Amino acid sequence: MQLTIDELVHFTDEERAKWERWFSVRGHGPLTLRLAGGTHATVGALMMHIFRPERRYVQRLRGEPLTESRNVPTDMWEEIFTFGHETREGLRQFVDEATPEDWGHIHEFALRPNSRQQYQIRATTRKIILHVLMHEIRHWAQIARVVREHGMAPPGDHDLLLSDALE
């Protein structure tokens, strides 16, 4: 038996819910914690880096125009998570509607087309969706480390073994 996309979606849903509850208690302050490196300067910016690609990859998979989301403030947890709920709904709908043939379809597109660091992507639908979910898991772990480094405990257990996603 293999780990399914539905199980990973469930696992990342649990993680998002833990973090949303955590921010609801601690407020906006932790969003402004600084991160090393120049790509995503704060925890809030890194959270948007979790949610924005989710939307954009689903748009690419559906052949839709890519929409911008720069107007979502990175220092307001409610607005970040509202955006995250919207992106997840789009991903979940795509996953639920995808046919067995869709999962093997190969997509080709330029990633970061207006950047010096441009990548030409050629991947199946399955690989792209799995990338989105693994990308999220990696970045929540980074956020957990940053909040620990600032003397705060991250929300709950994050191990798959302790999740309800795979029973």
C-alpha atoms as a PDB file:
ATOM      1  CA  MET A   1       0.000   0.000   0.000  1.00  0.00           C
ATOM      2  CA  GLN A   2       1.228   3.506  -0.829  1.00  0.00           C
ATOM      3  CA  LEU A   3       0.825   6.871   0.841  1.00  0.00           C
ATOM      4  CA  THR A   4      -1.924   8.721  -1.045  1.00  0.00           C
ATOM      5  CA  ILE A   5      -2.304  12.326  -2.029  1.00  0.00           C
ATOM      6  CA  ASP A   6      -5.535  12.447  -0.010  1.00  0.00           C
ATOM      7  CA  GLU A   7      -3.598  11.347   3.088  1.00  0.00           C
ATOM      8  CA  LEU A   8      -0.969  14.056   2.558  1.00  0.00           C
ATOM      9  CA  VAL A   9      -3.685  16.671   2.012  1.00  0.00           C
ATOM     10  CA  HIS A  10      -5.265  15.560   5.300  1.00  0.00           C
ATOM     11  CA  PHE A  11      -1.893  15.742   7.079  1.00  0.00           C
ATOM     12  CA  THR A  12      -1.163  19.253   5.791  1.00  0.00           C
ATOM     13  CA  ASP A  13      -4.710  20.325   6.681  1.00  0.00           C
ATOM     14  CA  GLU A  14      -3.998  19.243  10.264  1.00  0.00           C
ATOM     15  CA  GLU A  15      -0.749  21.202  10.286  1.00  0.00           C
ATOM     16  CA  ARG A  16      -2.445  24.336   8.978  1.00  0.00           C
ATOM     17  CA  ALA A  17      -5.147  24.050  11.628  1.00  0.00           C
ATOM     18  CA  LYS A  18      -2.537  23.727  14.400  1.00  0.00           C
ATOM     19  CA  TRP A  19      -0.709  26.795  13.179  1.00  0.00           C
ATOM     20  CA  GLU A  20      -3.903  28.798  12.717  1.00  0.00           C
ATOM     21  CA  ARG A  21      -4.938  28.070  16.322  1.00  0.00           C
ATOM     22  CA  TRP A  22      -1.403  28.927  17.471  1.00  0.00           C
ATOM     23  CA  PHE A  23      -1.476  32.328  15.731  1.00  0.00           C
ATOM     24  CA  SER A  24      -4.992  33.013  17.009  1.00  0.00           C
ATOM     25  CA  VAL A  25      -3.571  32.857  20.547  1.00  0.00           C
ATOM     26  CA  ARG A  26      -0.257  34.648  19.922  1.00  0.00           C
ATOM     27  CA  GLY A  27      -1.480  37.268  17.487  1.00  0.00           C
ATOM     28  CA  HIS A  28       0.400  39.008  14.721  1.00  0.00           C
ATOM     29  CA  GLY A  29       3.778  39.391  16.446  1.00  0.00           C
ATOM     30  CA  PRO A  30       5.303  36.055  15.421  1.00  0.00           C
ATOM     31  CA  LEU A  31       4.581  36.837  11.756  1.00  0.00           C
ATOM     32  CA  THR A  32       7.274  39.511  11.889  1.00  0.00           C
ATOM     33  CA  LEU A  33      10.017  37.200  13.153  1.00  0.00           C
ATOM     34  CA  ARG A  34      12.974  37.546  10.806  1.00  0.00           C
ATOM     35  CA  LEU A  35      14.376  34.672   8.762  1.00  0.00           C
ATOM     36  CA  ALA A  36      17.942  34.299   7.607  1.00  0.00           C
ATOM     37  CA  GLY A  37      18.528  34.766   3.896  1.00  0.00           C
ATOM     38  CA  GLY A  38      16.928  37.191   1.533  1.00  0.00           C
ATOM     39  CA  THR A  39      14.137  35.214  -0.110  1.00  0.00           C
ATOM     40  CA  HIS A  40      11.416  35.384   2.546  1.00  0.00           C
ATOM     41  CA  ALA A  41      12.246  37.951   5.189  1.00  0.00           C
ATOM     42  CA  THR A  42       9.647  37.036   7.822  1.00  0.00           C
ATOM     43  CA  VAL A  43       7.524  34.161   9.070  1.00  0.00           C
ATOM     44  CA  GLY A  44       4.467  35.803   7.495  1.00  0.00           C
ATOM     45  CA  ALA A  45       6.224  36.057   4.122  1.00  0.00           C
ATOM     46  CA  LEU A  46       7.209  32.389   4.338  1.00  0.00           C
ATOM     47  CA  MET A  47       3.618  31.436   5.117  1.00  0.00           C
ATOM     48  CA  MET A  48       2.474  33.254   1.999  1.00  0.00           C
ATOM     49  CA  HIS A  49       5.202  31.350   0.146  1.00  0.00           C
ATOM     50  CA  ILE A  50       3.408  28.174   1.231  1.00  0.00           C
ATOM     51  CA  PHE A  51      -0.009  29.329   0.036  1.00  0.00           C
ATOM     52  CA  ARG A  52       0.766  31.324  -3.137  1.00  0.00           C
ATOM     53  CA  PRO A  53       2.400  28.439  -5.032  1.00  0.00           C
ATOM     54  CA  GLU A  54      -0.471  26.149  -4.090  1.00  0.00           C
ATOM     55  CA  ARG A  55      -2.854  28.470  -5.931  1.00  0.00           C
ATOM     56  CA  ARG A  56      -0.545  29.021  -8.879  1.00  0.00           C
ATOM     57  CA  TYR A  57       0.225  25.334  -9.444  1.00  0.00           C
ATOM     58  CA  VAL A  58      -3.473  24.453  -9.435  1.00  0.00           C
ATOM     59  CA  GLN A  59      -4.061  27.279 -11.908  1.00  0.00           C
ATOM     60  CA  ARG A  60      -1.281  25.895 -14.116  1.00  0.00           C
ATOM     61  CA  LEU A  61      -2.718  22.379 -13.921  1.00  0.00           C
ATOM     62  CA  ARG A  62      -6.129  23.676 -14.958  1.00  0.00           C
ATOM     63  CA  GLY A  63      -4.700  25.829 -17.752  1.00  0.00           C
ATOM     64  CA  GLU A  64      -6.002  28.995 -16.070  1.00  0.00           C
ATOM     65  CA  PRO A  65      -4.301  32.383 -16.068  1.00  0.00           C
ATOM     66  CA  LEU A  66      -2.051  32.911 -13.058  1.00  0.00           C
ATOM     67  CA  THR A  67      -3.405  35.435 -10.581  1.00  0.00           C
ATOM     68  CA  GLU A  68      -1.433  37.662  -8.266  1.00  0.00           C
ATOM     69  CA  SER A  69      -1.882  37.705  -4.511  1.00  0.00           C
ATOM     70  CA  ARG A  70       0.574  40.407  -3.495  1.00  0.00           C
ATOM     71  CA  ASN A  71      -2.198  42.357  -1.767  1.00  0.00           C
ATOM     72  CA  VAL A  72      -2.446  39.834   1.092  1.00  0.00           C
ATOM     73  CA  PRO A  73      -0.555  41.392   4.021  1.00  0.00           C
ATOM     74  CA  THR A  74       2.151  39.197   5.525  1.00  0.00           C
ATOM     75  CA  ASP A  75       1.650  40.648   9.005  1.00  0.00           C
ATOM     76  CA  MET A  76      -2.035  39.705   9.518  1.00  0.00           C
ATOM     77  CA  TRP A  77      -2.534  36.034  10.399  1.00  0.00           C
ATOM     78  CA  GLU A  78      -6.289  36.109   9.741  1.00  0.00           C
ATOM     79  CA  GLU A  79      -5.819  37.311   6.176  1.00  0.00           C
ATOM     80  CA  ILE A  80      -2.967  34.886   5.506  1.00  0.00           C
ATOM     81  CA  PHE A  81      -5.043  31.919   6.677  1.00  0.00           C
ATOM     82  CA  THR A  82      -8.138  33.121   4.817  1.00  0.00           C
ATOM     83  CA  PHE A  83      -6.025  33.085   1.678  1.00  0.00           C
ATOM     84  CA  GLY A  84      -4.680  29.648   2.660  1.00  0.00           C
ATOM     85  CA  HIS A  85      -8.218  28.292   3.048  1.00  0.00           C
ATOM     86  CA  GLU A  86      -9.021  29.549  -0.459  1.00  0.00           C
ATOM     87  CA  THR A  87      -5.915  27.985  -1.981  1.00  0.00           C
ATOM     88  CA  ARG A  88      -6.560  24.680  -0.219  1.00  0.00           C
ATOM     89  CA  GLU A  89     -10.155  24.589  -1.408  1.00  0.00           C
ATOM     90  CA  GLY A  90      -8.877  24.967  -4.971  1.00  0.00           C
ATOM     91  CA  LEU A  91      -6.329  22.189  -4.501  1.00  0.00           C
ATOM     92  CA  ARG A  92      -8.845  19.884  -2.853  1.00  0.00           C
ATOM     93  CA  GLN A  93     -11.373  20.476  -5.631  1.00  0.00           C
ATOM     94  CA  PHE A  94      -8.730  19.746  -8.254  1.00  0.00           C
ATOM     95  CA  VAL A  95      -7.644  16.530  -6.499  1.00  0.00           C
ATOM     96  CA  ASP A  96     -11.245  15.380  -6.084  1.00  0.00           C
ATOM     97  CA  GLU A  97     -12.101  16.026  -9.745  1.00  0.00           C
ATOM     98  CA  ALA A  98      -8.908  14.648 -11.327  1.00  0.00           C
ATOM     99  CA  THR A  99      -9.374  11.515 -13.367  1.00  0.00           C
ATOM    100  CA  PRO A 100      -6.863   8.642 -13.383  1.00  0.00           C
ATOM    101  CA  GLU A 101      -5.655   9.910 -16.774  1.00  0.00           C
ATOM    102  CA  ASP A 102      -5.124  13.426 -15.370  1.00  0.00           C
ATOM    103  CA  TRP A 103      -2.549  12.193 -12.833  1.00  0.00           C
ATOM    104  CA  GLY A 104      -0.169  11.024 -15.551  1.00  0.00           C
ATOM    105  CA  HIS A 105      -0.590  14.086 -17.783  1.00  0.00           C
ATOM    106  CA  ILE A 106       2.717  15.881 -18.378  1.00  0.00           C
ATOM    107  CA  HIS A 107       2.776  19.661 -17.944  1.00  0.00           C
ATOM    108  CA  GLU A 108       5.476  21.974 -19.233  1.00  0.00           C
ATOM    109  CA  PHE A 109       5.904  25.562 -18.110  1.00  0.00           C
ATOM    110  CA  ALA A 110       8.484  28.127 -17.112  1.00  0.00           C
ATOM    111  CA  LEU A 111       8.804  28.720 -13.404  1.00  0.00           C
ATOM    112  CA  ARG A 112       9.771  32.285 -12.519  1.00  0.00           C
ATOM    113  CA  PRO A 113       9.624  33.421 -16.154  1.00  0.00           C
ATOM    114  CA  ASN A 114      10.560  37.018 -15.309  1.00  0.00           C
ATOM    115  CA  SER A 115      13.451  36.125 -13.040  1.00  0.00           C
ATOM    116  CA  ARG A 116      17.148  35.521 -13.556  1.00  0.00           C
ATOM    117  CA  GLN A 117      16.612  32.126 -11.872  1.00  0.00           C
ATOM    118  CA  GLN A 118      14.183  30.662 -14.400  1.00  0.00           C
ATOM    119  CA  TYR A 119      13.404  26.941 -14.485  1.00  0.00           C
ATOM    120  CA  GLN A 120      11.758  24.946 -17.234  1.00  0.00           C
ATOM    121  CA  ILE A 121       9.404  22.459 -15.547  1.00  0.00           C
ATOM    122  CA  ARG A 122       8.274  19.214 -17.123  1.00  0.00           C
ATOM    123  CA  ALA A 123       6.319  17.054 -14.674  1.00  0.00           C
ATOM    124  CA  THR A 124       3.207  14.956 -14.266  1.00  0.00           C
ATOM    125  CA  THR A 125       0.166  16.240 -12.431  1.00  0.00           C
ATOM    126  CA  ARG A 126       0.920  13.758  -9.644  1.00  0.00           C
ATOM    127  CA  LYS A 127       4.470  15.052  -9.207  1.00  0.00           C
ATOM    128  CA  ILE A 128       3.320  18.675  -9.135  1.00  0.00           C
ATOM    129  CA  ILE A 129       0.641  18.042  -6.487  1.00  0.00           C
ATOM    130  CA  LEU A 130       3.075  15.995  -4.390  1.00  0.00           C
ATOM    131  CA  HIS A 131       5.587  18.843  -4.717  1.00  0.00           C
ATOM    132  CA  VAL A 132       3.024  21.350  -3.430  1.00  0.00           C
ATOM    133  CA  LEU A 133       2.334  19.201  -0.362  1.00  0.00           C
ATOM    134  CA  MET A 134       5.988  18.403   0.399  1.00  0.00           C
ATOM    135  CA  HIS A 135       6.878  22.073  -0.118  1.00  0.00           C
ATOM    136  CA  GLU A 136       4.339  23.001   2.539  1.00  0.00           C
ATOM    137  CA  ILE A 137       5.586  20.389   5.007  1.00  0.00           C
ATOM    138  CA  ARG A 138       9.188  21.602   4.628  1.00  0.00           C
ATOM    139  CA  HIS A 139       8.266  25.242   5.201  1.00  0.00           C
ATOM    140  CA  TRP A 140       6.108  24.581   8.279  1.00  0.00           C
ATOM    141  CA  ALA A 141       9.168  22.833   9.726  1.00  0.00           C
ATOM    142  CA  GLN A 142      11.237  25.958   9.018  1.00  0.00           C
ATOM    143  CA  ILE A 143       8.636  28.098  10.753  1.00  0.00           C
ATOM    144  CA  ALA A 144       8.657  25.740  13.742  1.00  0.00           C
ATOM    145  CA  ARG A 145      12.414  26.150  14.027  1.00  0.00           C
ATOM    146  CA  VAL A 146      12.238  29.939  13.823  1.00  0.00           C
ATOM    147  CA  VAL A 147       9.618  30.234  16.548  1.00  0.00           C
ATOM    148  CA  ARG A 148      11.651  27.846  18.755  1.00  0.00           C
ATOM    149  CA  GLU A 149      14.723  30.021  18.220  1.00  0.00           C
ATOM    150  CA  HIS A 150      12.673  32.950  19.541  1.00  0.00           C
ATOM    151  CA  GLY A 151      11.653  31.125  22.703  1.00  0.00           C
ATOM    152  CA  MET A 152       8.188  29.961  21.628  1.00  0.00           C
ATOM    153  CA  ALA A 153       6.985  26.390  21.387  1.00  0.00           C
ATOM    154  CA  PRO A 154       5.407  25.505  18.044  1.00  0.00           C
ATOM    155  CA  PRO A 155       1.880  24.096  18.120  1.00  0.00           C
ATOM    156  CA  GLY A 156       1.658  20.451  19.075  1.00  0.00           C
ATOM    157  CA  ASP A 157       3.174  17.412  17.496  1.00  0.00           C
ATOM    158  CA  HIS A 158       4.097  17.512  13.837  1.00  0.00           C
ATOM    159  CA  ASP A 159       5.095  13.935  13.153  1.00  0.00           C
ATOM    160  CA  LEU A 160       3.074  11.860  10.731  1.00  0.00           C
ATOM    161  CA  LEU A 161       2.936   9.083  13.325  1.00  0.00           C
ATOM    162  CA  LEU A 162       0.930  11.376  15.596  1.00  0.00           C
ATOM    163  CA  SER A 163      -1.440  12.528  12.865  1.00  0.00           C
ATOM    164  CA  ASP A 164      -4.989  11.366  12.219  1.00  0.00           C
ATOM    165  CA  ALA A 165      -4.235  11.439   8.483  1.00  0.00           C
ATOM    166  CA  LEU A 166      -3.306   7.754   8.275  1.00  0.00           C
ATOM    167  CA  GLU A 167      -5.322   5.475  10.482  1.00  0.00           C
END
